[in-house]
C-alpha cells in the first residue's frame, strides 16, 4: 500500500528532469558564501507536516538556497520565515521559525508541499517539469484523507491544485480567492510568500493571516 513515507522516498530518489537535476546539484556545489561550510541537500524535497492535516499548503518549488539547501519545504530562507511565523500565529506550527530539518519544528493540522520538487533555474519550472512531478502531488493529496482546505501560494500552485481537484469553472487567481471543490473541500489562494511580494508589501502578514483564518473556518477547525 502507498504511504506518505513511500512518496517521500520516491521524491528524494527522482532524477526525471535533467535540467533540474543539473541545476540543483550545481547550486549544491557552488554554494552561497553565507552557507559555504554547510552540506547542501541538493535533491528533490518531499512534503512536510501532519499526516492528519485538514489544511494542505501548496507552493511552487524549493528555493535554491532554502529548501534545496536544508531539505525541508520553506526552510532556511526569508520566504519560510514569513510563512512559518504566520502558521505559528494561526496555531498550525509549534514555533515561528524554520531554520533546518532538525530544529524541532512541528506542524499541527497542516501539510506543506509543492507541484515541483527540485529548485528550478530562475525559480521558473517548465510545464513538462511540472507534469513529471505531478504523480507525487497526486499521491500525496490522495493519502491526505482528512484534508478539507487546499491553500495555493501563487498562481502556479493554484493551477496545479485546481487541475488535480477538478475545479470547473476555475475562478481567476487572486489573493483570497475561494473555489469550492465539493460539499466539504475548498481551494484558497494567496499571493506567494516570495521576497518580491513580502518586501514590496504586496503580501503583508495581516493578509496571509486572514487567509489562514479563513482556512480554519472552512476546514471546520
C-alpha atoms as a PDB file:
ATOM      1  CA  UNK A   1       0.000   0.000   0.000  1.00  0.00           C
ATOM      2  CA  UNK A   2       1.120   3.546  -0.699  1.00  0.00           C
ATOM      3  CA  UNK A   3       2.138   5.814   2.165  1.00  0.00           C
ATOM      4  CA  UNK A   4       3.454   9.317   2.689  1.00  0.00           C
ATOM      5  CA  UNK A   5       6.810   7.778   3.592  1.00  0.00           C
ATOM      6  CA  UNK A   6       6.870   5.864   0.296  1.00  0.00           C
ATOM      7  CA  UNK A   7       6.049   9.074  -1.591  1.00  0.00           C
ATOM      8  CA  UNK A   8       8.862  10.907   0.217  1.00  0.00           C
ATOM      9  CA  UNK A   9      11.345   8.162  -0.624  1.00  0.00           C
ATOM     10  CA  UNK A  10      10.338   8.223  -4.296  1.00  0.00           C
ATOM     11  CA  UNK A  11      10.560  12.025  -4.405  1.00  0.00           C
ATOM     12  CA  UNK A  12      14.082  12.084  -2.976  1.00  0.00           C
ATOM     13  CA  UNK A  13      15.269   9.428  -5.441  1.00  0.00           C
ATOM     14  CA  UNK A  14      13.815  11.123  -8.545  1.00  0.00           C
ATOM     15  CA  UNK A  15      16.077  12.171 -11.439  1.00  0.00           C
ATOM     16  CA  UNK A  16      13.397  12.568 -14.116  1.00  0.00           C
ATOM     17  CA  UNK A  17      14.210  16.135 -15.212  1.00  0.00           C
ATOM     18  CA  UNK A  18      17.804  16.590 -16.467  1.00  0.00           C
ATOM     19  CA  UNK A  19      17.690  20.393 -16.296  1.00  0.00           C
ATOM     20  CA  UNK A  20      16.525  20.390 -12.682  1.00  0.00           C
ATOM     21  CA  UNK A  21      18.962  17.676 -11.622  1.00  0.00           C
ATOM     22  CA  UNK A  22      21.856  19.636 -13.100  1.00  0.00           C
ATOM     23  CA  UNK A  23      20.786  22.926 -11.520  1.00  0.00           C
ATOM     24  CA  UNK A  24      20.036  21.655  -8.005  1.00  0.00           C
ATOM     25  CA  UNK A  25      23.387  19.846  -7.889  1.00  0.00           C
ATOM     26  CA  UNK A  26      25.286  22.820  -9.310  1.00  0.00           C
ATOM     27  CA  UNK A  27      23.807  25.055  -6.608  1.00  0.00           C
ATOM     28  CA  UNK A  28      24.855  22.477  -4.030  1.00  0.00           C
ATOM     29  CA  UNK A  29      28.448  22.686  -5.234  1.00  0.00           C
ATOM     30  CA  UNK A  30      28.650  26.424  -5.901  1.00  0.00           C
ATOM     31  CA  UNK A  31      27.285  27.441  -2.531  1.00  0.00           C
ATOM     32  CA  UNK A  32      26.253  30.893  -1.448  1.00  0.00           C
ATOM     33  CA  UNK A  33      29.061  32.425   0.597  1.00  0.00           C
ATOM     34  CA  UNK A  34      26.930  32.586   3.758  1.00  0.00           C
ATOM     35  CA  UNK A  35      26.477  28.789   3.614  1.00  0.00           C
ATOM     36  CA  UNK A  36      29.883  27.738   2.292  1.00  0.00           C
ATOM     37  CA  UNK A  37      30.544  25.460   5.307  1.00  0.00           C
ATOM     38  CA  UNK A  38      27.211  23.642   5.010  1.00  0.00           C
ATOM     39  CA  UNK A  39      26.423  20.491   3.076  1.00  0.00           C
ATOM     40  CA  UNK A  40      23.526  21.202   0.723  1.00  0.00           C
ATOM     41  CA  UNK A  41      20.645  18.735   0.405  1.00  0.00           C
ATOM     42  CA  UNK A  42      20.652  19.279  -3.420  1.00  0.00           C
ATOM     43  CA  UNK A  43      17.946  16.663  -4.044  1.00  0.00           C
ATOM     44  CA  UNK A  44      14.179  16.761  -4.572  1.00  0.00           C
ATOM     45  CA  UNK A  45      12.319  17.916  -1.448  1.00  0.00           C
ATOM     46  CA  UNK A  46       9.424  15.850  -0.035  1.00  0.00           C
ATOM     47  CA  UNK A  47       6.306  17.214   1.623  1.00  0.00           C
ATOM     48  CA  UNK A  48       6.298  18.014   5.324  1.00  0.00           C
ATOM     49  CA  UNK A  49       3.760  18.203   8.127  1.00  0.00           C
ATOM     50  CA  UNK A  50       0.875  16.461   9.862  1.00  0.00           C
ATOM     51  CA  UNK A  51      -0.449  13.336   8.060  1.00  0.00           C
ATOM     52  CA  UNK A  52      -3.881  14.110   9.543  1.00  0.00           C
ATOM     53  CA  UNK A  53      -3.823  17.659   8.181  1.00  0.00           C
ATOM     54  CA  UNK A  54      -7.063  19.413   7.307  1.00  0.00           C
ATOM     55  CA  UNK A  55      -5.091  22.194   5.609  1.00  0.00           C
ATOM     56  CA  UNK A  56      -2.706  21.479   2.716  1.00  0.00           C
ATOM     57  CA  UNK A  57      -0.455  24.337   1.568  1.00  0.00           C
ATOM     58  CA  UNK A  58       0.951  24.122  -1.956  1.00  0.00           C
ATOM     59  CA  UNK A  59       3.797  26.397  -3.045  1.00  0.00           C
ATOM     60  CA  UNK A  60       5.824  26.494  -6.248  1.00  0.00           C
ATOM     61  CA  UNK A  61       9.187  24.728  -5.891  1.00  0.00           C
ATOM     62  CA  UNK A  62      12.135  24.623  -3.455  1.00  0.00           C
ATOM     63  CA  UNK A  63      14.291  27.727  -3.264  1.00  0.00           C
ATOM     64  CA  UNK A  64      17.878  27.240  -4.420  1.00  0.00           C
ATOM     65  CA  UNK A  65      19.456  28.235  -1.105  1.00  0.00           C
ATOM     66  CA  UNK A  66      16.437  27.487   1.073  1.00  0.00           C
ATOM     67  CA  UNK A  67      14.806  24.057   0.819  1.00  0.00           C
ATOM     68  CA  UNK A  68      17.398  22.904  -1.735  1.00  0.00           C
ATOM     69  CA  UNK A  69      19.978  23.543   0.987  1.00  0.00           C
ATOM     70  CA  UNK A  70      18.080  22.312   4.048  1.00  0.00           C
ATOM     71  CA  UNK A  71      15.921  19.539   2.581  1.00  0.00           C
ATOM     72  CA  UNK A  72      12.626  20.762   4.067  1.00  0.00           C
ATOM     73  CA  UNK A  73       9.900  22.842   2.446  1.00  0.00           C
ATOM     74  CA  UNK A  74      10.191  26.606   3.069  1.00  0.00           C
ATOM     75  CA  UNK A  75      13.124  26.148   5.438  1.00  0.00           C
ATOM     76  CA  UNK A  76      16.216  28.289   5.663  1.00  0.00           C
ATOM     77  CA  UNK A  77      15.138  31.413   3.779  1.00  0.00           C
ATOM     78  CA  UNK A  78      13.083  34.552   4.277  1.00  0.00           C
ATOM     79  CA  UNK A  79      10.053  33.176   2.473  1.00  0.00           C
ATOM     80  CA  UNK A  80       9.935  30.403   5.027  1.00  0.00           C
ATOM     81  CA  UNK A  81      10.417  32.871   7.877  1.00  0.00           C
ATOM     82  CA  UNK A  82       7.348  34.768   6.667  1.00  0.00           C
ATOM     83  CA  UNK A  83       5.212  31.646   6.164  1.00  0.00           C
ATOM     84  CA  UNK A  84       6.030  29.846   9.406  1.00  0.00           C
ATOM     85  CA  UNK A  85       5.579  32.980  11.500  1.00  0.00           C
ATOM     86  CA  UNK A  86       2.033  33.187  10.150  1.00  0.00           C
ATOM     87  CA  UNK A  87       1.422  29.458  10.674  1.00  0.00           C
ATOM     88  CA  UNK A  88       2.594  29.878  14.263  1.00  0.00           C
ATOM     89  CA  UNK A  89       0.208  32.777  14.852  1.00  0.00           C
ATOM     90  CA  UNK A  90      -2.614  30.677  13.383  1.00  0.00           C
ATOM     91  CA  UNK A  91      -1.829  27.712  15.649  1.00  0.00           C
ATOM     92  CA  UNK A  92      -0.598  25.409  12.885  1.00  0.00           C
ATOM     93  CA  UNK A  93       3.079  25.425  13.947  1.00  0.00           C
ATOM     94  CA  UNK A  94       4.746  24.954  17.333  1.00  0.00           C
ATOM     95  CA  UNK A  95       7.345  27.666  16.652  1.00  0.00           C
ATOM     96  CA  UNK A  96       7.620  30.716  14.375  1.00  0.00           C
ATOM     97  CA  UNK A  97      10.959  29.859  12.765  1.00  0.00           C
ATOM     98  CA  UNK A  98      12.192  27.217  10.336  1.00  0.00           C
ATOM     99  CA  UNK A  99      15.975  27.087  10.149  1.00  0.00           C
ATOM    100  CA  UNK A 100      16.954  23.482   9.391  1.00  0.00           C
ATOM    101  CA  UNK A 101      15.457  19.971   9.346  1.00  0.00           C
ATOM    102  CA  UNK A 102      16.337  19.232  12.970  1.00  0.00           C
ATOM    103  CA  UNK A 103      15.196  22.491  14.581  1.00  0.00           C
ATOM    104  CA  UNK A 104      12.186  20.946  16.345  1.00  0.00           C
ATOM    105  CA  UNK A 105       9.518  22.457  14.100  1.00  0.00           C
ATOM    106  CA  UNK A 106       6.241  20.531  14.037  1.00  0.00           C
ATOM    107  CA  UNK A 107       3.015  21.249  12.203  1.00  0.00           C
ATOM    108  CA  UNK A 108      -0.393  20.532  13.704  1.00  0.00           C
ATOM    109  CA  UNK A 109      -3.241  20.184  11.234  1.00  0.00           C
ATOM    110  CA  UNK A 110      -1.217  21.357   8.218  1.00  0.00           C
ATOM    111  CA  UNK A 111       0.874  19.800   5.451  1.00  0.00           C
ATOM    112  CA  UNK A 112       3.194  21.703   3.090  1.00  0.00           C
ATOM    113  CA  UNK A 113       4.074  20.506  -0.393  1.00  0.00           C
ATOM    114  CA  UNK A 114       4.740  21.754  -3.941  1.00  0.00           C
ATOM    115  CA  UNK A 115       3.933  20.819  -7.548  1.00  0.00           C
ATOM    116  CA  UNK A 116       7.664  20.807  -8.409  1.00  0.00           C
ATOM    117  CA  UNK A 117      10.158  19.207  -6.001  1.00  0.00           C
ATOM    118  CA  UNK A 118      13.516  20.451  -7.325  1.00  0.00           C
ATOM    119  CA  UNK A 119      14.850  24.001  -7.288  1.00  0.00           C
ATOM    120  CA  UNK A 120      14.451  25.378 -10.843  1.00  0.00           C
ATOM    121  CA  UNK A 121      16.722  27.935 -12.526  1.00  0.00           C
ATOM    122  CA  UNK A 122      15.342  31.469 -12.043  1.00  0.00           C
ATOM    123  CA  UNK A 123      12.590  29.854  -9.945  1.00  0.00           C
ATOM    124  CA  UNK A 124      10.732  29.005 -13.175  1.00  0.00           C
ATOM    125  CA  UNK A 125       9.906  25.332 -13.772  1.00  0.00           C
ATOM    126  CA  UNK A 126       8.632  24.304 -17.180  1.00  0.00           C
ATOM    127  CA  UNK A 127       5.248  22.721 -17.795  1.00  0.00           C
ATOM    128  CA  UNK A 128       6.992  19.446 -18.662  1.00  0.00           C
ATOM    129  CA  UNK A 129       8.824  19.505 -15.321  1.00  0.00           C
ATOM    130  CA  UNK A 130       5.565  20.232 -13.523  1.00  0.00           C
ATOM    131  CA  UNK A 131       3.870  17.331 -15.312  1.00  0.00           C
ATOM    132  CA  UNK A 132       6.765  14.983 -14.489  1.00  0.00           C
ATOM    133  CA  UNK A 133       6.279  15.830 -10.827  1.00  0.00           C
ATOM    134  CA  UNK A 134       2.502  15.606 -10.832  1.00  0.00           C
ATOM    135  CA  UNK A 135       2.275  11.921  -9.764  1.00  0.00           C
ATOM    136  CA  UNK A 136       3.964  12.820  -6.471  1.00  0.00           C
ATOM    137  CA  UNK A 137       1.398  15.514  -5.733  1.00  0.00           C
ATOM    138  CA  UNK A 138      -1.453  13.246  -6.829  1.00  0.00           C
ATOM    139  CA  UNK A 139      -0.298  10.500  -4.477  1.00  0.00           C
ATOM    140  CA  UNK A 140       0.206  12.895  -1.573  1.00  0.00           C
ATOM    141  CA  UNK A 141      -3.197  14.516  -1.877  1.00  0.00           C
ATOM    142  CA  UNK A 142      -4.865  11.101  -2.168  1.00  0.00           C
ATOM    143  CA  UNK A 143      -3.166   9.994   1.058  1.00  0.00           C
ATOM    144  CA  UNK A 144      -4.063  13.176   2.974  1.00  0.00           C
ATOM    145  CA  UNK A 145      -7.582  11.939   3.528  1.00  0.00           C
ATOM    146  CA  UNK A 146      -8.547  14.471   6.202  1.00  0.00           C
ATOM    147  CA  UNK A 147      -7.725  17.476   4.023  1.00  0.00           C
ATOM    148  CA  UNK A 148     -10.571  19.965   3.654  1.00  0.00           C
ATOM    149  CA  UNK A 149      -8.812  23.148   2.534  1.00  0.00           C
ATOM    150  CA  UNK A 150      -6.085  23.366  -0.117  1.00  0.00           C
ATOM    151  CA  UNK A 151      -4.243  26.675   0.032  1.00  0.00           C
ATOM    152  CA  UNK A 152      -2.215  27.682  -3.013  1.00  0.00           C
ATOM    153  CA  UNK A 153       0.682  30.105  -2.640  1.00  0.00           C
ATOM    154  CA  UNK A 154       0.733  31.786  -6.033  1.00  0.00           C
ATOM    155  CA  UNK A 155      -0.862  31.128  -9.393  1.00  0.00           C
ATOM    156  CA  UNK A 156       1.338  28.153 -10.303  1.00  0.00           C
ATOM    157  CA  UNK A 157       0.222  26.165  -7.258  1.00  0.00           C
ATOM    158  CA  UNK A 158      -3.362  27.330  -7.763  1.00  0.00           C
ATOM    159  CA  UNK A 159      -3.459  25.928 -11.302  1.00  0.00           C
ATOM    160  CA  UNK A 160      -1.939  22.641 -10.140  1.00  0.00           C
ATOM    161  CA  UNK A 161      -4.447  22.262  -7.301  1.00  0.00           C
ATOM    162  CA  UNK A 162      -7.487  23.156  -9.371  1.00  0.00           C
ATOM    163  CA  UNK A 163      -6.379  20.739 -12.061  1.00  0.00           C
ATOM    164  CA  UNK A 164      -5.901  17.877  -9.621  1.00  0.00           C
ATOM    165  CA  UNK A 165      -9.135  18.555  -7.741  1.00  0.00           C
ATOM    166  CA  UNK A 166     -11.187  19.101 -10.893  1.00  0.00           C
ATOM    167  CA  UNK A 167     -12.348  22.637 -10.128  1.00  0.00           C
ATOM    168  CA  UNK A 168     -14.587  23.717 -13.046  1.00  0.00           C
ATOM    169  CA  UNK A 169     -15.034  26.532 -13.788  1.00  0.00           C
ATOM    170  CA  UNK A 170     -11.825  27.798 -12.191  1.00  0.00           C
ATOM    171  CA  UNK A 171     -12.080  31.310 -10.747  1.00  0.00           C
ATOM    172  CA  UNK A 172      -9.307  33.678 -11.769  1.00  0.00           C
ATOM    173  CA  UNK A 173      -6.398  33.563  -9.330  1.00  0.00           C
ATOM    174  CA  UNK A 174      -6.219  36.410  -6.830  1.00  0.00           C
ATOM    175  CA  UNK A 175      -5.243  36.819  -3.220  1.00  0.00           C
ATOM    176  CA  UNK A 176      -8.081  35.448  -1.106  1.00  0.00           C
ATOM    177  CA  UNK A 177      -9.847  33.693  -3.989  1.00  0.00           C
ATOM    178  CA  UNK A 178     -12.082  30.784  -2.949  1.00  0.00           C
ATOM    179  CA  UNK A 179     -13.051  27.866  -5.183  1.00  0.00           C
ATOM    180  CA  UNK A 180     -15.430  25.193  -3.954  1.00  0.00           C
ATOM    181  CA  UNK A 181     -14.409  21.642  -4.863  1.00  0.00           C
ATOM    182  CA  UNK A 182     -17.397  19.794  -3.424  1.00  0.00           C
ATOM    183  CA  UNK A 183     -19.586  19.890  -0.323  1.00  0.00           C
ATOM    184  CA  UNK A 184     -16.616  19.537   2.025  1.00  0.00           C
ATOM    185  CA  UNK A 185     -13.467  20.789   0.255  1.00  0.00           C
ATOM    186  CA  UNK A 186     -12.201  24.189  -0.847  1.00  0.00           C
ATOM    187  CA  UNK A 187      -9.254  25.737  -2.664  1.00  0.00           C
ATOM    188  CA  UNK A 188      -7.968  29.057  -1.316  1.00  0.00           C
ATOM    189  CA  UNK A 189      -5.466  31.357  -2.998  1.00  0.00           C
ATOM    190  CA  UNK A 190      -2.797  33.568  -1.501  1.00  0.00           C
ATOM    191  CA  UNK A 191      -0.017  35.577  -3.042  1.00  0.00           C
ATOM    192  CA  UNK A 192       3.235  33.655  -2.778  1.00  0.00           C
ATOM    193  CA  UNK A 193       5.455  34.368   0.232  1.00  0.00           C
ATOM    194  CA  UNK A 194       8.352  35.309  -2.044  1.00  0.00           C
ATOM    195  CA  UNK A 195      10.657  38.132  -1.007  1.00  0.00           C
ATOM    196  CA  UNK A 196       9.491  40.069  -4.044  1.00  0.00           C
ATOM    197  CA  UNK A 197       5.954  40.053  -2.630  1.00  0.00           C
ATOM    198  CA  UNK A 198       6.715  40.458   1.058  1.00  0.00           C
ATOM    199  CA  UNK A 199       9.424  43.121   0.723  1.00  0.00           C
ATOM    200  CA  UNK A 200       7.254  45.294  -1.505  1.00  0.00           C
ATOM    201  CA  UNK A 201       4.173  44.958   0.688  1.00  0.00           C
ATOM    202  CA  UNK A 202       2.141  43.152  -1.956  1.00  0.00           C
ATOM    203  CA  UNK A 203       1.711  40.443   0.678  1.00  0.00           C
ATOM    204  CA  UNK A 204       1.618  41.564   4.307  1.00  0.00           C
ATOM    205  CA  UNK A 205       1.483  39.436   7.471  1.00  0.00           C
ATOM    206  CA  UNK A 206      -2.105  40.535   8.032  1.00  0.00           C
ATOM    207  CA  UNK A 207      -3.094  39.415   4.524  1.00  0.00           C
ATOM    208  CA  UNK A 208      -1.622  35.942   4.988  1.00  0.00           C
ATOM    209  CA  UNK A 209      -3.085  35.668   8.488  1.00  0.00           C
ATOM    210  CA  UNK A 210      -6.527  36.439   7.070  1.00  0.00           C
ATOM    211  CA  UNK A 211      -6.334  33.603   4.530  1.00  0.00           C
ATOM    212  CA  UNK A 212      -5.208  31.164   7.225  1.00  0.00           C
ATOM    213  CA  UNK A 213      -8.065  32.301   9.458  1.00  0.00           C
ATOM    214  CA  UNK A 214     -10.469  31.641   6.599  1.00  0.00           C
ATOM    215  CA  UNK A 215      -8.911  28.194   6.166  1.00  0.00           C
ATOM    216  CA  UNK A 216      -9.735  27.460   9.813  1.00  0.00           C
ATOM    217  CA  UNK A 217     -13.368  28.355   9.210  1.00  0.00           C
ATOM    218  CA  UNK A 218     -13.738  26.329   6.004  1.00  0.00           C
ATOM    219  CA  UNK A 219     -11.987  23.271   7.432  1.00  0.00           C
ATOM    220  CA  UNK A 220     -14.291  23.215  10.438  1.00  0.00           C
ATOM    221  CA  UNK A 221     -11.448  23.539  12.970  1.00  0.00           C
END
